[in-house]
Amino acid sequence: MVATTVERPSRTVLLAETDRHMLNHLSRILSDRLPQVTIDICSSAEQLSRMLPNASYDTVTVCPVLMGDYRVLQHRISQHMLVPMIVTAGRD
């Protein structure tokens, strides 16, 4: 019997966070526990505005400070963004 490996598709997570401490911890946890996951990082509303509409993410984490840019989220929701969204609470 020959064992076959099923290659899983790469997953991409967007970390949208203004708190450097939280960003470092989240990215380290994800890369240590889920090495097959690609991590995109943004730390400002401007970056989030550019990155979110132009990519397909499997999960999005966002801090409340960046959620203030409601237009970006509203645009993605209107396009039926069906991905888990995790709201983080850091020091900021």
N, C-alpha and C. Protein backbone atom coordinates (compact mmCIF):
# COMPACT_ATOMS: atom_id res chain seq x y z
N MET A 1 0.84 -1.18 0.00
CA MET A 1 0.00 0.00 0.00
C MET A 1 0.90 1.25 0.00
N VAL A 2 0.62 2.16 -0.89
CA VAL A 2 1.40 3.38 -1.01
C VAL A 2 0.65 4.52 -0.33
N ALA A 3 1.37 5.20 0.55
CA ALA A 3 0.76 6.35 1.24
C ALA A 3 0.84 7.57 0.33
N THR A 4 -0.24 8.28 0.25
CA THR A 4 -0.25 9.51 -0.54
C THR A 4 -0.49 10.69 0.38
N THR A 5 0.12 11.77 0.03
CA THR A 5 -0.08 12.99 0.81
C THR A 5 -1.00 13.92 0.04
N VAL A 6 -1.95 14.42 0.75
CA VAL A 6 -2.87 15.39 0.15
C VAL A 6 -2.34 16.77 0.50
N GLU A 7 -2.03 17.53 -0.53
CA GLU A 7 -1.51 18.87 -0.30
C GLU A 7 -2.67 19.82 -0.06
N ARG A 8 -2.65 20.45 1.10
CA ARG A 8 -3.72 21.40 1.44
C ARG A 8 -3.43 22.74 0.81
N PRO A 9 -4.47 23.42 0.37
CA PRO A 9 -4.25 24.75 -0.20
C PRO A 9 -3.77 25.71 0.88
N SER A 10 -2.95 26.64 0.46
CA SER A 10 -2.43 27.63 1.40
C SER A 10 -3.56 28.53 1.89
N ARG A 11 -3.54 28.86 3.14
CA ARG A 11 -4.52 29.76 3.75
C ARG A 11 -3.84 31.10 4.01
N THR A 12 -4.61 32.16 3.89
CA THR A 12 -4.07 33.50 4.11
C THR A 12 -4.88 34.22 5.18
N VAL A 13 -4.16 34.81 6.13
CA VAL A 13 -4.77 35.56 7.22
C VAL A 13 -4.29 37.00 7.14
N LEU A 14 -5.21 37.93 7.31
CA LEU A 14 -4.85 39.34 7.37
C LEU A 14 -4.88 39.77 8.83
N LEU A 15 -3.74 40.26 9.32
CA LEU A 15 -3.67 40.82 10.68
C LEU A 15 -3.69 42.34 10.53
N ALA A 16 -4.78 42.97 10.92
CA ALA A 16 -4.91 44.42 10.86
C ALA A 16 -4.90 44.93 12.29
N GLU A 17 -3.77 45.46 12.70
CA GLU A 17 -3.56 45.79 14.12
C GLU A 17 -2.64 46.99 14.24
N THR A 18 -2.98 47.92 15.13
CA THR A 18 -2.14 49.10 15.37
C THR A 18 -1.18 48.89 16.53
N ASP A 19 -1.46 47.94 17.40
CA ASP A 19 -0.63 47.66 18.57
C ASP A 19 0.49 46.69 18.17
N ARG A 20 1.74 47.20 18.12
CA ARG A 20 2.90 46.38 17.71
C ARG A 20 3.05 45.13 18.58
N HIS A 21 2.81 45.27 19.88
CA HIS A 21 2.93 44.14 20.80
C HIS A 21 1.95 43.03 20.41
N MET A 22 0.72 43.40 20.19
CA MET A 22 -0.31 42.43 19.80
C MET A 22 0.01 41.83 18.43
N LEU A 23 0.46 42.66 17.50
CA LEU A 23 0.81 42.20 16.17
C LEU A 23 1.93 41.17 16.21
N ASN A 24 2.96 41.43 17.01
CA ASN A 24 4.07 40.48 17.15
C ASN A 24 3.60 39.16 17.75
N HIS A 25 2.78 39.23 18.79
CA HIS A 25 2.28 38.00 19.42
C HIS A 25 1.40 37.19 18.47
N LEU A 26 0.46 37.85 17.82
CA LEU A 26 -0.44 37.14 16.90
C LEU A 26 0.32 36.49 15.76
N SER A 27 1.24 37.23 15.15
CA SER A 27 1.98 36.66 14.02
C SER A 27 2.87 35.51 14.47
N ARG A 28 3.47 35.62 15.65
CA ARG A 28 4.31 34.53 16.17
C ARG A 28 3.48 33.29 16.47
N ILE A 29 2.34 33.47 17.11
CA ILE A 29 1.46 32.34 17.42
C ILE A 29 1.01 31.63 16.15
N LEU A 30 0.56 32.41 15.17
CA LEU A 30 0.10 31.81 13.92
C LEU A 30 1.21 31.09 13.18
N SER A 31 2.37 31.71 13.07
CA SER A 31 3.46 31.07 12.33
C SER A 31 4.01 29.85 13.05
N ASP A 32 4.00 29.86 14.39
CA ASP A 32 4.47 28.69 15.15
C ASP A 32 3.48 27.54 15.07
N ARG A 33 2.22 27.82 15.21
CA ARG A 33 1.19 26.77 15.27
C ARG A 33 0.65 26.35 13.91
N LEU A 34 0.67 27.27 12.98
CA LEU A 34 0.13 27.00 11.64
C LEU A 34 1.14 27.45 10.58
N PRO A 35 2.24 26.72 10.44
CA PRO A 35 3.30 27.18 9.53
C PRO A 35 2.88 27.27 8.07
N GLN A 36 1.83 26.59 7.67
CA GLN A 36 1.38 26.62 6.28
C GLN A 36 0.56 27.86 5.96
N VAL A 37 0.25 28.67 6.96
CA VAL A 37 -0.59 29.85 6.77
C VAL A 37 0.28 31.05 6.34
N THR A 38 -0.19 31.75 5.33
CA THR A 38 0.46 32.99 4.90
C THR A 38 -0.15 34.13 5.69
N ILE A 39 0.68 35.00 6.24
CA ILE A 39 0.20 36.10 7.07
C ILE A 39 0.50 37.42 6.38
N ASP A 40 -0.55 38.19 6.12
CA ASP A 40 -0.40 39.56 5.63
C ASP A 40 -0.65 40.49 6.81
N ILE A 41 0.13 41.56 6.88
CA ILE A 41 0.05 42.47 8.02
C ILE A 41 -0.21 43.89 7.54
N CYS A 42 -1.11 44.57 8.23
CA CYS A 42 -1.27 46.01 8.01
C CYS A 42 -1.49 46.67 9.37
N SER A 43 -1.05 47.91 9.46
CA SER A 43 -1.12 48.60 10.76
C SER A 43 -1.76 49.98 10.67
N SER A 44 -2.43 50.26 9.56
CA SER A 44 -3.10 51.55 9.44
C SER A 44 -4.38 51.38 8.64
N ALA A 45 -5.27 52.34 8.79
CA ALA A 45 -6.53 52.31 8.05
C ALA A 45 -6.27 52.42 6.55
N GLU A 46 -5.23 53.17 6.16
CA GLU A 46 -4.91 53.31 4.75
C GLU A 46 -4.48 51.97 4.15
N GLN A 47 -3.63 51.25 4.88
CA GLN A 47 -3.21 49.93 4.41
C GLN A 47 -4.40 48.98 4.32
N LEU A 48 -5.24 48.99 5.34
CA LEU A 48 -6.43 48.14 5.34
C LEU A 48 -7.32 48.45 4.15
N SER A 49 -7.48 49.73 3.86
CA SER A 49 -8.30 50.16 2.72
C SER A 49 -7.76 49.62 1.40
N ARG A 50 -6.44 49.52 1.28
CA ARG A 50 -5.84 49.00 0.05
C ARG A 50 -5.86 47.48 0.01
N MET A 51 -5.58 46.84 1.13
CA MET A 51 -5.39 45.39 1.14
C MET A 51 -6.70 44.59 1.13
N LEU A 52 -7.67 45.00 1.90
CA LEU A 52 -8.89 44.22 2.06
C LEU A 52 -9.70 44.07 0.77
N PRO A 53 -9.92 45.14 0.01
CA PRO A 53 -10.72 44.97 -1.21
C PRO A 53 -9.99 44.20 -2.32
N ASN A 54 -8.67 44.15 -2.26
CA ASN A 54 -7.89 43.59 -3.37
C ASN A 54 -7.39 42.17 -3.15
N ALA A 55 -7.82 41.53 -2.10
CA ALA A 55 -7.32 40.18 -1.83
C ALA A 55 -8.43 39.31 -1.26
N SER A 56 -8.17 38.04 -1.29
CA SER A 56 -9.12 37.08 -0.74
C SER A 56 -8.47 36.44 0.49
N TYR A 57 -9.02 36.71 1.64
CA TYR A 57 -8.46 36.19 2.89
C TYR A 57 -9.36 35.10 3.46
N ASP A 58 -8.74 34.14 4.12
CA ASP A 58 -9.49 33.07 4.77
C ASP A 58 -9.95 33.50 6.16
N THR A 59 -9.20 34.40 6.78
CA THR A 59 -9.56 34.97 8.08
C THR A 59 -9.01 36.39 8.15
N VAL A 60 -9.74 37.27 8.80
CA VAL A 60 -9.29 38.64 9.01
C VAL A 60 -9.36 38.93 10.49
N THR A 61 -8.25 39.42 11.06
CA THR A 61 -8.28 39.92 12.43
C THR A 61 -8.13 41.43 12.33
N VAL A 62 -8.91 42.14 13.10
CA VAL A 62 -8.87 43.60 13.02
C VAL A 62 -9.11 44.19 14.40
N CYS A 63 -8.37 45.25 14.70
CA CYS A 63 -8.56 45.93 15.98
C CYS A 63 -9.67 46.98 15.82
N PRO A 64 -10.35 47.33 16.91
CA PRO A 64 -11.44 48.31 16.83
C PRO A 64 -11.02 49.65 16.25
N VAL A 65 -9.76 50.05 16.47
CA VAL A 65 -9.29 51.33 15.93
C VAL A 65 -9.40 51.34 14.41
N LEU A 66 -9.05 50.21 13.78
CA LEU A 66 -9.10 50.14 12.32
C LEU A 66 -10.50 49.86 11.80
N MET A 67 -11.38 49.37 12.66
CA MET A 67 -12.76 49.15 12.24
C MET A 67 -13.49 50.47 12.04
N GLY A 68 -12.90 51.55 12.52
CA GLY A 68 -13.49 52.87 12.33
C GLY A 68 -13.62 53.24 10.86
N ASP A 69 -12.78 52.62 10.01
CA ASP A 69 -12.89 52.85 8.58
C ASP A 69 -14.00 51.96 8.05
N TYR A 70 -15.20 52.30 8.40
CA TYR A 70 -16.38 51.49 8.10
C TYR A 70 -16.59 51.28 6.61
N ARG A 71 -16.18 52.25 5.80
CA ARG A 71 -16.39 52.14 4.35
C ARG A 71 -15.72 50.90 3.77
N VAL A 72 -14.53 50.59 4.26
CA VAL A 72 -13.80 49.41 3.75
C VAL A 72 -14.58 48.14 4.09
N LEU A 73 -14.99 48.03 5.34
CA LEU A 73 -15.72 46.84 5.75
C LEU A 73 -17.07 46.76 5.05
N GLN A 74 -17.73 47.89 4.90
CA GLN A 74 -19.03 47.92 4.23
C GLN A 74 -18.88 47.47 2.78
N HIS A 75 -17.81 47.90 2.13
CA HIS A 75 -17.56 47.50 0.74
C HIS A 75 -17.39 45.99 0.65
N ARG A 76 -16.61 45.41 1.55
CA ARG A 76 -16.38 43.96 1.52
C ARG A 76 -17.65 43.19 1.89
N ILE A 77 -18.40 43.70 2.84
CA ILE A 77 -19.64 43.02 3.22
C ILE A 77 -20.63 43.04 2.06
N SER A 78 -20.67 44.16 1.33
CA SER A 78 -21.57 44.23 0.18
C SER A 78 -21.15 43.25 -0.91
N GLN A 79 -19.89 42.85 -0.91
CA GLN A 79 -19.42 41.84 -1.87
C GLN A 79 -19.55 40.44 -1.28
N HIS A 80 -20.28 40.30 -0.20
CA HIS A 80 -20.53 39.03 0.46
C HIS A 80 -19.25 38.40 1.01
N MET A 81 -18.52 39.18 1.78
CA MET A 81 -17.31 38.68 2.43
C MET A 81 -17.73 37.66 3.47
N LEU A 82 -17.50 36.41 3.17
CA LEU A 82 -17.89 35.33 4.06
C LEU A 82 -16.65 34.67 4.64
N VAL A 83 -15.95 35.40 5.47
CA VAL A 83 -14.78 34.86 6.14
C VAL A 83 -14.89 35.19 7.63
N PRO A 84 -14.28 34.37 8.46
CA PRO A 84 -14.29 34.70 9.88
C PRO A 84 -13.56 36.02 10.12
N MET A 85 -14.14 36.87 10.95
CA MET A 85 -13.50 38.11 11.34
C MET A 85 -13.32 38.09 12.85
N ILE A 86 -12.10 38.27 13.27
CA ILE A 86 -11.76 38.27 14.70
C ILE A 86 -11.41 39.69 15.10
N VAL A 87 -12.10 40.20 16.11
CA VAL A 87 -11.81 41.54 16.62
C VAL A 87 -10.87 41.39 17.80
N THR A 88 -9.73 42.08 17.73
CA THR A 88 -8.72 41.99 18.79
C THR A 88 -8.82 43.18 19.72
N ALA A 89 -8.37 42.99 20.94
CA ALA A 89 -8.34 44.08 21.92
C ALA A 89 -6.95 44.12 22.52
N GLY A 90 -6.18 45.13 22.11
CA GLY A 90 -4.81 45.28 22.59
C GLY A 90 -4.70 46.46 23.54
N ARG A 91 -3.52 47.00 23.58
CA ARG A 91 -3.24 48.14 24.49
C ARG A 91 -3.79 49.45 23.99
N ASP A 92 -3.87 49.63 22.68
CA ASP A 92 -4.32 50.92 22.11
C ASP A 92 -5.79 51.14 22.32
